[in-house]
């Protein structure tokens, strides 16, 4: 199954849980109004391919030649390139160079080298939770270890712990481990490879601990329960199930400063 086929599959994913966590209305809207991939998302996909499946890169992507398409020669060169790139995602040479440099930095990390060998990349898995079809697609699966690539502004332990919580990586870690176990795979550990997309492209590797997985389980099950309730009732509400008027006060730091 290709990455595109996986994303088109209607089973519930961790990204869906994130939308539901914001509000069922956000989830419902996103499902009926799919967005076009952004340049940042495309760069992320290219990075994944170069880091995890570099030998298969040319089967999915084509790097556009640098040429002046305002000239006859440049236009002919580009048209020839397009005719040979059918069914491939076209990227600019600048994006490729950026992605290649980052990928080389990630793969040169000695811990990453040991992790990203002898396993399988980008495999899709499906299972059921409370009668709801669910899915996950680990970046890399090696024996009983799930390995996930995360680009970030700051890969340091002090910064990444906050970023990981904000993006609910604890939910992802539990969701994937749980799903793989439901598929008969004895997945025991979830590891994040955090890397920066700005020079010098620093890398840090993290393993989800028991507390992280415990919170991930709690929140994932809450989101799944909300999904089931909304699917049954047909009421995909916004931030509150029963609308009311809320008291609006000042932020805590303003209160401490002035009062």
C-alpha atoms as a PDB file:
ATOM      1  CA  UNK A   1       0.000   0.000   0.000  1.00  0.00           C
ATOM      2  CA  UNK A   2       1.404   3.390  -0.976  1.00  0.00           C
ATOM      3  CA  UNK A   3       1.424   6.340   1.394  1.00  0.00           C
ATOM      4  CA  UNK A   4      -1.307   8.024  -0.661  1.00  0.00           C
ATOM      5  CA  UNK A   5      -3.498   4.905  -0.554  1.00  0.00           C
ATOM      6  CA  UNK A   6      -2.995   4.671   3.189  1.00  0.00           C
ATOM      7  CA  UNK A   7      -4.090   8.271   3.748  1.00  0.00           C
ATOM      8  CA  UNK A   8      -7.161   7.766   1.563  1.00  0.00           C
ATOM      9  CA  UNK A   9      -8.266   4.756   3.611  1.00  0.00           C
ATOM     10  CA  UNK A  10     -11.181   5.791   5.897  1.00  0.00           C
ATOM     11  CA  UNK A  11      -9.925   3.981   9.026  1.00  0.00           C
ATOM     12  CA  UNK A  12      -9.312   6.155  12.096  1.00  0.00           C
ATOM     13  CA  UNK A  13      -5.734   7.417  12.481  1.00  0.00           C
ATOM     14  CA  UNK A  14      -3.790   9.276  15.142  1.00  0.00           C
ATOM     15  CA  UNK A  15      -4.174  12.463  13.079  1.00  0.00           C
ATOM     16  CA  UNK A  16      -7.947  11.923  13.220  1.00  0.00           C
ATOM     17  CA  UNK A  17      -7.745  11.619  16.998  1.00  0.00           C
ATOM     18  CA  UNK A  18      -5.946  14.978  17.100  1.00  0.00           C
ATOM     19  CA  UNK A  19      -8.774  16.593  15.161  1.00  0.00           C
ATOM     20  CA  UNK A  20     -11.388  14.993  17.414  1.00  0.00           C
ATOM     21  CA  UNK A  21      -9.419  16.164  20.426  1.00  0.00           C
ATOM     22  CA  UNK A  22      -9.762  19.738  19.206  1.00  0.00           C
ATOM     23  CA  UNK A  23     -13.446  19.205  18.518  1.00  0.00           C
ATOM     24  CA  UNK A  24     -15.644  16.714  16.653  1.00  0.00           C
ATOM     25  CA  UNK A  25     -16.673  19.570  14.361  1.00  0.00           C
ATOM     26  CA  UNK A  26     -13.056  20.101  13.275  1.00  0.00           C
ATOM     27  CA  UNK A  27     -12.757  16.389  12.504  1.00  0.00           C
ATOM     28  CA  UNK A  28     -15.963  16.323  10.468  1.00  0.00           C
ATOM     29  CA  UNK A  29     -14.988  19.424   8.495  1.00  0.00           C
ATOM     30  CA  UNK A  30     -11.518  18.095   7.697  1.00  0.00           C
ATOM     31  CA  UNK A  31     -12.970  14.845   6.391  1.00  0.00           C
ATOM     32  CA  UNK A  32     -15.324  16.638   3.998  1.00  0.00           C
ATOM     33  CA  UNK A  33     -12.792  19.332   3.003  1.00  0.00           C
ATOM     34  CA  UNK A  34      -9.430  17.606   2.409  1.00  0.00           C
ATOM     35  CA  UNK A  35      -6.585  20.092   2.150  1.00  0.00           C
ATOM     36  CA  UNK A  36      -3.848  20.162  -0.475  1.00  0.00           C
ATOM     37  CA  UNK A  37      -0.352  19.169   0.698  1.00  0.00           C
ATOM     38  CA  UNK A  38       1.754  22.177   1.668  1.00  0.00           C
ATOM     39  CA  UNK A  39       5.400  22.666   0.681  1.00  0.00           C
ATOM     40  CA  UNK A  40       6.406  21.797   4.256  1.00  0.00           C
ATOM     41  CA  UNK A  41       4.443  18.538   4.024  1.00  0.00           C
ATOM     42  CA  UNK A  42       6.079  17.729   0.683  1.00  0.00           C
ATOM     43  CA  UNK A  43       9.522  18.349   2.170  1.00  0.00           C
ATOM     44  CA  UNK A  44       8.617  16.035   5.038  1.00  0.00           C
ATOM     45  CA  UNK A  45       7.616  13.269   2.630  1.00  0.00           C
ATOM     46  CA  UNK A  46      10.829  13.693   0.637  1.00  0.00           C
ATOM     47  CA  UNK A  47      12.871  13.549   3.851  1.00  0.00           C
ATOM     48  CA  UNK A  48      11.161  10.345   4.932  1.00  0.00           C
ATOM     49  CA  UNK A  49      11.932   8.767   1.572  1.00  0.00           C
ATOM     50  CA  UNK A  50      15.589   9.812   1.589  1.00  0.00           C
ATOM     51  CA  UNK A  51      16.142   8.717   5.184  1.00  0.00           C
ATOM     52  CA  UNK A  52      14.192   5.464   5.156  1.00  0.00           C
ATOM     53  CA  UNK A  53      14.046   4.305   1.523  1.00  0.00           C
ATOM     54  CA  UNK A  54      16.678   6.226  -0.438  1.00  0.00           C
ATOM     55  CA  UNK A  55      17.205   3.406  -2.940  1.00  0.00           C
ATOM     56  CA  UNK A  56      13.534   3.695  -3.946  1.00  0.00           C
ATOM     57  CA  UNK A  57      13.523   7.501  -4.184  1.00  0.00           C
ATOM     58  CA  UNK A  58      13.540   7.759  -7.989  1.00  0.00           C
ATOM     59  CA  UNK A  59      10.483   5.524  -8.330  1.00  0.00           C
ATOM     60  CA  UNK A  60       8.330   8.088  -6.525  1.00  0.00           C
ATOM     61  CA  UNK A  61      10.020  11.476  -7.017  1.00  0.00           C
ATOM     62  CA  UNK A  62      11.579  13.366  -9.907  1.00  0.00           C
ATOM     63  CA  UNK A  63      13.887  16.345  -9.426  1.00  0.00           C
ATOM     64  CA  UNK A  64      13.173  19.118 -11.913  1.00  0.00           C
ATOM     65  CA  UNK A  65      16.176  20.321 -13.939  1.00  0.00           C
ATOM     66  CA  UNK A  66      17.451  23.866 -13.514  1.00  0.00           C
ATOM     67  CA  UNK A  67      16.575  25.554 -16.796  1.00  0.00           C
ATOM     68  CA  UNK A  68      15.131  28.790 -18.112  1.00  0.00           C
ATOM     69  CA  UNK A  69      11.713  27.830 -19.426  1.00  0.00           C
ATOM     70  CA  UNK A  70      11.404  31.219 -21.103  1.00  0.00           C
ATOM     71  CA  UNK A  71      13.886  30.049 -23.716  1.00  0.00           C
ATOM     72  CA  UNK A  72      13.246  27.495 -26.434  1.00  0.00           C
ATOM     73  CA  UNK A  73      16.034  25.225 -25.211  1.00  0.00           C
ATOM     74  CA  UNK A  74      14.935  25.490 -21.605  1.00  0.00           C
ATOM     75  CA  UNK A  75      11.317  24.781 -22.463  1.00  0.00           C
ATOM     76  CA  UNK A  76      12.319  21.730 -24.535  1.00  0.00           C
ATOM     77  CA  UNK A  77      14.505  20.408 -21.699  1.00  0.00           C
ATOM     78  CA  UNK A  78      11.713  20.800 -19.180  1.00  0.00           C
ATOM     79  CA  UNK A  79       9.078  19.227 -21.424  1.00  0.00           C
ATOM     80  CA  UNK A  80      11.345  16.224 -21.987  1.00  0.00           C
ATOM     81  CA  UNK A  81      11.750  15.929 -18.213  1.00  0.00           C
ATOM     82  CA  UNK A  82       7.971  16.045 -17.691  1.00  0.00           C
ATOM     83  CA  UNK A  83       7.371  13.362 -20.322  1.00  0.00           C
ATOM     84  CA  UNK A  84       9.781  11.037 -18.469  1.00  0.00           C
ATOM     85  CA  UNK A  85       8.309  11.775 -15.028  1.00  0.00           C
ATOM     86  CA  UNK A  86       4.767  10.469 -15.413  1.00  0.00           C
ATOM     87  CA  UNK A  87       3.126   9.354 -12.141  1.00  0.00           C
ATOM     88  CA  UNK A  88       5.984  10.827 -10.098  1.00  0.00           C
ATOM     89  CA  UNK A  89       5.936  13.727  -7.655  1.00  0.00           C
ATOM     90  CA  UNK A  90       8.039  16.560  -9.048  1.00  0.00           C
ATOM     91  CA  UNK A  91      10.215  18.559  -6.675  1.00  0.00           C
ATOM     92  CA  UNK A  92      12.623  21.415  -7.227  1.00  0.00           C
ATOM     93  CA  UNK A  93      16.384  20.940  -7.140  1.00  0.00           C
ATOM     94  CA  UNK A  94      16.535  23.346  -4.178  1.00  0.00           C
ATOM     95  CA  UNK A  95      14.136  21.176  -2.178  1.00  0.00           C
ATOM     96  CA  UNK A  96      16.067  18.049  -3.068  1.00  0.00           C
ATOM     97  CA  UNK A  97      19.388  19.583  -2.028  1.00  0.00           C
ATOM     98  CA  UNK A  98      17.912  20.760   1.272  1.00  0.00           C
ATOM     99  CA  UNK A  99      16.308  17.381   1.976  1.00  0.00           C
ATOM    100  CA  UNK A 100      19.438  15.465   0.964  1.00  0.00           C
ATOM    101  CA  UNK A 101      21.623  17.530   3.314  1.00  0.00           C
ATOM    102  CA  UNK A 102      19.232  17.030   6.231  1.00  0.00           C
ATOM    103  CA  UNK A 103      18.860  13.312   5.497  1.00  0.00           C
ATOM    104  CA  UNK A 104      22.633  12.831   5.447  1.00  0.00           C
ATOM    105  CA  UNK A 105      22.918  14.569   8.821  1.00  0.00           C
ATOM    106  CA  UNK A 106      20.224  12.331  10.311  1.00  0.00           C
ATOM    107  CA  UNK A 107      21.700   9.115   8.910  1.00  0.00           C
ATOM    108  CA  UNK A 108      25.219  10.019  10.077  1.00  0.00           C
ATOM    109  CA  UNK A 109      24.109   9.995  13.723  1.00  0.00           C
ATOM    110  CA  UNK A 110      25.613   6.805  15.248  1.00  0.00           C
ATOM    111  CA  UNK A 111      22.455   5.956  17.225  1.00  0.00           C
ATOM    112  CA  UNK A 112      20.267   6.439  14.144  1.00  0.00           C
ATOM    113  CA  UNK A 113      22.599   4.225  12.098  1.00  0.00           C
ATOM    114  CA  UNK A 114      21.983   1.336  14.491  1.00  0.00           C
ATOM    115  CA  UNK A 115      18.236   1.902  14.592  1.00  0.00           C
ATOM    116  CA  UNK A 116      17.542   2.243  10.868  1.00  0.00           C
ATOM    117  CA  UNK A 117      18.847  -1.109   9.685  1.00  0.00           C
ATOM    118  CA  UNK A 118      17.382  -4.583   9.489  1.00  0.00           C
ATOM    119  CA  UNK A 119      13.778  -3.408   9.695  1.00  0.00           C
ATOM    120  CA  UNK A 120      10.896  -2.383   7.424  1.00  0.00           C
ATOM    121  CA  UNK A 121       9.817   1.124   6.442  1.00  0.00           C
ATOM    122  CA  UNK A 122       6.343   2.517   5.770  1.00  0.00           C
ATOM    123  CA  UNK A 123       4.156  -0.559   6.346  1.00  0.00           C
ATOM    124  CA  UNK A 124       0.402  -0.059   6.928  1.00  0.00           C
ATOM    125  CA  UNK A 125      -1.529  -1.810   9.712  1.00  0.00           C
ATOM    126  CA  UNK A 126      -5.271  -2.029  10.430  1.00  0.00           C
ATOM    127  CA  UNK A 127      -7.229  -3.232  13.472  1.00  0.00           C
ATOM    128  CA  UNK A 128     -10.481  -2.621  15.343  1.00  0.00           C
ATOM    129  CA  UNK A 129     -11.216  -0.701  18.537  1.00  0.00           C
ATOM    130  CA  UNK A 130     -14.803  -0.993  19.792  1.00  0.00           C
ATOM    131  CA  UNK A 131     -15.932  -1.963  16.304  1.00  0.00           C
ATOM    132  CA  UNK A 132     -14.185   1.031  14.716  1.00  0.00           C
ATOM    133  CA  UNK A 133     -11.576   0.329  12.045  1.00  0.00           C
ATOM    134  CA  UNK A 134      -8.272   1.974  12.966  1.00  0.00           C
ATOM    135  CA  UNK A 135      -4.901   2.337  11.261  1.00  0.00           C
ATOM    136  CA  UNK A 136      -1.270   3.292  11.704  1.00  0.00           C
ATOM    137  CA  UNK A 137       1.770   3.451   9.451  1.00  0.00           C
ATOM    138  CA  UNK A 138       5.053   3.314  11.375  1.00  0.00           C
ATOM    139  CA  UNK A 139       7.957   5.098   9.731  1.00  0.00           C
ATOM    140  CA  UNK A 140      10.193   2.158  10.601  1.00  0.00           C
ATOM    141  CA  UNK A 141       9.619  -1.106  12.424  1.00  0.00           C
ATOM    142  CA  UNK A 142      12.605  -3.064  13.673  1.00  0.00           C
ATOM    143  CA  UNK A 143      11.865  -6.226  15.648  1.00  0.00           C
ATOM    144  CA  UNK A 144       9.804  -4.945  18.592  1.00  0.00           C
ATOM    145  CA  UNK A 145      10.767  -1.283  18.200  1.00  0.00           C
ATOM    146  CA  UNK A 146       8.703   1.393  16.436  1.00  0.00           C
ATOM    147  CA  UNK A 147      10.839   4.257  15.136  1.00  0.00           C
ATOM    148  CA  UNK A 148       9.357   7.593  14.124  1.00  0.00           C
ATOM    149  CA  UNK A 149      10.981  10.597  12.426  1.00  0.00           C
ATOM    150  CA  UNK A 150      10.095  14.045  13.756  1.00  0.00           C
ATOM    151  CA  UNK A 151      11.301  17.332  12.335  1.00  0.00           C
ATOM    152  CA  UNK A 152      11.407  20.116  14.910  1.00  0.00           C
ATOM    153  CA  UNK A 153      12.741  23.628  15.427  1.00  0.00           C
ATOM    154  CA  UNK A 154      14.730  22.537  18.463  1.00  0.00           C
ATOM    155  CA  UNK A 155      15.695  18.893  19.018  1.00  0.00           C
ATOM    156  CA  UNK A 156      17.265  19.464  22.442  1.00  0.00           C
ATOM    157  CA  UNK A 157      15.794  17.585  25.449  1.00  0.00           C
ATOM    158  CA  UNK A 158      14.650  20.841  27.059  1.00  0.00           C
ATOM    159  CA  UNK A 159      12.687  21.961  24.005  1.00  0.00           C
ATOM    160  CA  UNK A 160      11.535  18.684  22.467  1.00  0.00           C
ATOM    161  CA  UNK A 161       9.712  17.496  25.592  1.00  0.00           C
ATOM    162  CA  UNK A 162       7.332  20.459  25.256  1.00  0.00           C
ATOM    163  CA  UNK A 163       6.955  20.034  21.505  1.00  0.00           C
ATOM    164  CA  UNK A 164       6.235  16.321  21.953  1.00  0.00           C
ATOM    165  CA  UNK A 165       3.457  17.065  24.431  1.00  0.00           C
ATOM    166  CA  UNK A 166       1.948  19.879  22.337  1.00  0.00           C
ATOM    167  CA  UNK A 167       1.779  17.612  19.271  1.00  0.00           C
ATOM    168  CA  UNK A 168       0.464  14.720  21.372  1.00  0.00           C
ATOM    169  CA  UNK A 169       3.268  12.340  20.499  1.00  0.00           C
ATOM    170  CA  UNK A 170       2.290  10.404  23.641  1.00  0.00           C
ATOM    171  CA  UNK A 171      -0.990   9.513  21.917  1.00  0.00           C
ATOM    172  CA  UNK A 172       0.850   8.432  18.782  1.00  0.00           C
ATOM    173  CA  UNK A 173       3.256   6.230  20.733  1.00  0.00           C
ATOM    174  CA  UNK A 174       0.454   4.341  22.498  1.00  0.00           C
ATOM    175  CA  UNK A 175      -1.792   4.196  19.402  1.00  0.00           C
ATOM    176  CA  UNK A 176       0.916   2.598  17.282  1.00  0.00           C
ATOM    177  CA  UNK A 177       2.120   0.135  19.929  1.00  0.00           C
ATOM    178  CA  UNK A 178      -1.451  -0.872  20.731  1.00  0.00           C
ATOM    179  CA  UNK A 179      -2.398  -1.222  17.077  1.00  0.00           C
ATOM    180  CA  UNK A 180       0.619  -3.342  16.230  1.00  0.00           C
ATOM    181  CA  UNK A 181      -0.083  -5.634  19.161  1.00  0.00           C
ATOM    182  CA  UNK A 182      -3.649  -6.022  17.920  1.00  0.00           C
ATOM    183  CA  UNK A 183      -2.105  -7.070  14.599  1.00  0.00           C
ATOM    184  CA  UNK A 184      -0.036  -9.754  16.314  1.00  0.00           C
ATOM    185  CA  UNK A 185       3.256  -7.842  16.430  1.00  0.00           C
ATOM    186  CA  UNK A 186       4.999  -7.757  19.804  1.00  0.00           C
ATOM    187  CA  UNK A 187       5.826  -4.027  19.714  1.00  0.00           C
ATOM    188  CA  UNK A 188       7.372  -2.959  23.014  1.00  0.00           C
ATOM    189  CA  UNK A 189       9.172   0.344  22.510  1.00  0.00           C
ATOM    190  CA  UNK A 190       8.530   3.603  20.661  1.00  0.00           C
ATOM    191  CA  UNK A 191      11.505   5.743  19.670  1.00  0.00           C
ATOM    192  CA  UNK A 192      11.487   9.262  18.201  1.00  0.00           C
ATOM    193  CA  UNK A 193      14.303  10.523  16.011  1.00  0.00           C
ATOM    194  CA  UNK A 194      14.063  14.299  16.347  1.00  0.00           C
ATOM    195  CA  UNK A 195      15.964  16.393  13.813  1.00  0.00           C
ATOM    196  CA  UNK A 196      16.185  20.065  12.933  1.00  0.00           C
ATOM    197  CA  UNK A 197      15.564  21.384   9.421  1.00  0.00           C
ATOM    198  CA  UNK A 198      17.885  24.377   9.857  1.00  0.00           C
ATOM    199  CA  UNK A 199      21.710  24.212   9.918  1.00  0.00           C
ATOM    200  CA  UNK A 200      23.541  22.536  11.547  1.00  0.00           C
ATOM    201  CA  UNK A 201      20.674  19.952  11.433  1.00  0.00           C
ATOM    202  CA  UNK A 202      21.162  18.638  14.967  1.00  0.00           C
ATOM    203  CA  UNK A 203      19.651  15.260  15.914  1.00  0.00           C
ATOM    204  CA  UNK A 204      18.491  13.745  19.221  1.00  0.00           C
ATOM    205  CA  UNK A 205      16.881  10.351  19.849  1.00  0.00           C
ATOM    206  CA  UNK A 206      14.187   9.729  22.485  1.00  0.00           C
ATOM    207  CA  UNK A 207      12.295   6.694  23.829  1.00  0.00           C
ATOM    208  CA  UNK A 208       8.733   7.089  25.145  1.00  0.00           C
ATOM    209  CA  UNK A 209       8.608   6.166  28.844  1.00  0.00           C
ATOM    210  CA  UNK A 210       5.792   4.474  30.773  1.00  0.00           C
ATOM    211  CA  UNK A 211       4.181   7.725  31.938  1.00  0.00           C
ATOM    212  CA  UNK A 212       4.076   9.022  28.381  1.00  0.00           C
ATOM    213  CA  UNK A 213       2.391   5.844  27.178  1.00  0.00           C
ATOM    214  CA  UNK A 214      -0.061   5.868  30.090  1.00  0.00           C
ATOM    215  CA  UNK A 215      -1.253   9.383  29.249  1.00  0.00           C
ATOM    216  CA  UNK A 216      -1.346   8.454  25.571  1.00  0.00           C
ATOM    217  CA  UNK A 217      -3.654   5.546  26.315  1.00  0.00           C
ATOM    218  CA  UNK A 218      -5.967   7.700  28.436  1.00  0.00           C
ATOM    219  CA  UNK A 219      -6.305  10.450  25.837  1.00  0.00           C
ATOM    220  CA  UNK A 220      -6.593   8.091  22.856  1.00  0.00           C
ATOM    221  CA  UNK A 221      -9.432   6.188  24.532  1.00  0.00           C
ATOM    222  CA  UNK A 222     -11.200   9.450  25.407  1.00  0.00           C
ATOM    223  CA  UNK A 223     -10.952  10.601  21.789  1.00  0.00           C
ATOM    224  CA  UNK A 224     -12.185   7.236  20.540  1.00  0.00           C
ATOM    225  CA  UNK A 225     -15.146   7.385  22.926  1.00  0.00           C
ATOM    226  CA  UNK A 226     -16.014  10.878  21.674  1.00  0.00           C
ATOM    227  CA  UNK A 227     -15.849   9.636  18.086  1.00  0.00           C
ATOM    228  CA  UNK A 228     -18.176   6.718  18.850  1.00  0.00           C
ATOM    229  CA  UNK A 229     -20.678   8.979  20.623  1.00  0.00           C
ATOM    230  CA  UNK A 230     -20.724  11.482  17.764  1.00  0.00           C
ATOM    231  CA  UNK A 231     -20.995   8.780  15.109  1.00  0.00           C
ATOM    232  CA  UNK A 232     -23.954   7.283  16.947  1.00  0.00           C
ATOM    233  CA  UNK A 233     -25.753  10.567  17.674  1.00  0.00           C
ATOM    234  CA  UNK A 234     -24.843  12.372  14.453  1.00  0.00           C
ATOM    235  CA  UNK A 235     -24.009  15.431  16.565  1.00  0.00           C
ATOM    236  CA  UNK A 236     -20.502  16.542  15.595  1.00  0.00           C
ATOM    237  CA  UNK A 237     -20.396  19.474  17.990  1.00  0.00           C
ATOM    238  CA  UNK A 238     -17.703  22.134  18.370  1.00  0.00           C
ATOM    239  CA  UNK A 239     -15.795  22.910  21.553  1.00  0.00           C
ATOM    240  CA  UNK A 240     -18.713  22.061  23.832  1.00  0.00           C
ATOM    241  CA  UNK A 241     -21.528  19.549  23.674  1.00  0.00           C
ATOM    242  CA  UNK A 242     -23.944  21.894  25.463  1.00  0.00           C
ATOM    243  CA  UNK A 243     -23.274  25.551  24.508  1.00  0.00           C
ATOM    244  CA  UNK A 244     -23.208  28.063  27.367  1.00  0.00           C
ATOM    245  CA  UNK A 245     -21.863  31.502  28.258  1.00  0.00           C
ATOM    246  CA  UNK A 246     -18.367  31.334  29.739  1.00  0.00           C
ATOM    247  CA  UNK A 247     -16.706  33.715  32.150  1.00  0.00           C
ATOM    248  CA  UNK A 248     -13.836  35.534  30.427  1.00  0.00           C
ATOM    249  CA  UNK A 249     -10.998  36.620  32.662  1.00  0.00           C
ATOM    250  CA  UNK A 250      -7.363  37.647  32.299  1.00  0.00           C
ATOM    251  CA  UNK A 251      -4.432  35.283  31.763  1.00  0.00           C
ATOM    252  CA  UNK A 252      -2.859  34.046  34.989  1.00  0.00           C
ATOM    253  CA  UNK A 253       0.420  35.897  34.358  1.00  0.00           C
ATOM    254  CA  UNK A 254      -1.443  39.192  33.890  1.00  0.00           C
ATOM    255  CA  UNK A 255      -3.357  38.632  37.137  1.00  0.00           C
ATOM    256  CA  UNK A 256      -0.118  37.980  39.007  1.00  0.00           C
ATOM    257  CA  UNK A 257       1.498  41.077  37.487  1.00  0.00           C
ATOM    258  CA  UNK A 258      -1.247  43.599  38.173  1.00  0.00           C
ATOM    259  CA  UNK A 259      -3.281  42.155  41.042  1.00  0.00           C
END
